[in-house]
Amino acid sequence: MTFSDKDIYAAVKHHLPEVNEYIASHGGTIKLLGMKNGTVYVALAGNCHGCAMSLMTTKMVVQKRLRELIHPELTVVNVDGTPENALPDDIYTEEPIETEDDAIDEEISLWDKAKSIFTKES
């Protein structure tokens, strides 16, 4: 029996909080970005983003545990900005994917709001 990306996405989303317990113990967090052909795409954030051990964490903790919980052939990729770990354009996801540009726009918007609190407008 084969499973669709939608099925696997739902299972990963369900089990991700359990997997995140280890990552949270190191001051990090994990976000599910999407699925494609049985490959789970995640992003490590917090202290885990850019950590030299992030590849090991992805394979030896996240992938290993999701294989135990869901399917022994799952592959997990940490989208970390390198070309070999890039996010495909046509992944399955249930939530909009935030790009780096979106995050910058949000920071600018929050800054504008903060400035307006402290600036009197006539």
Foldseek 3Di string as FASTA:
>chain_A
DDDDQVVLQVQCVVCQVVLQVVVVVVQKGKAFDFDDPQETEIEIDGPLQPDPCVVVSQVVRVLVVSCVRPNVPHHYAHCRPDPVRHDDPDGDDPDDDDDPVNVVVVVVVVVVVVVPVVDDDD
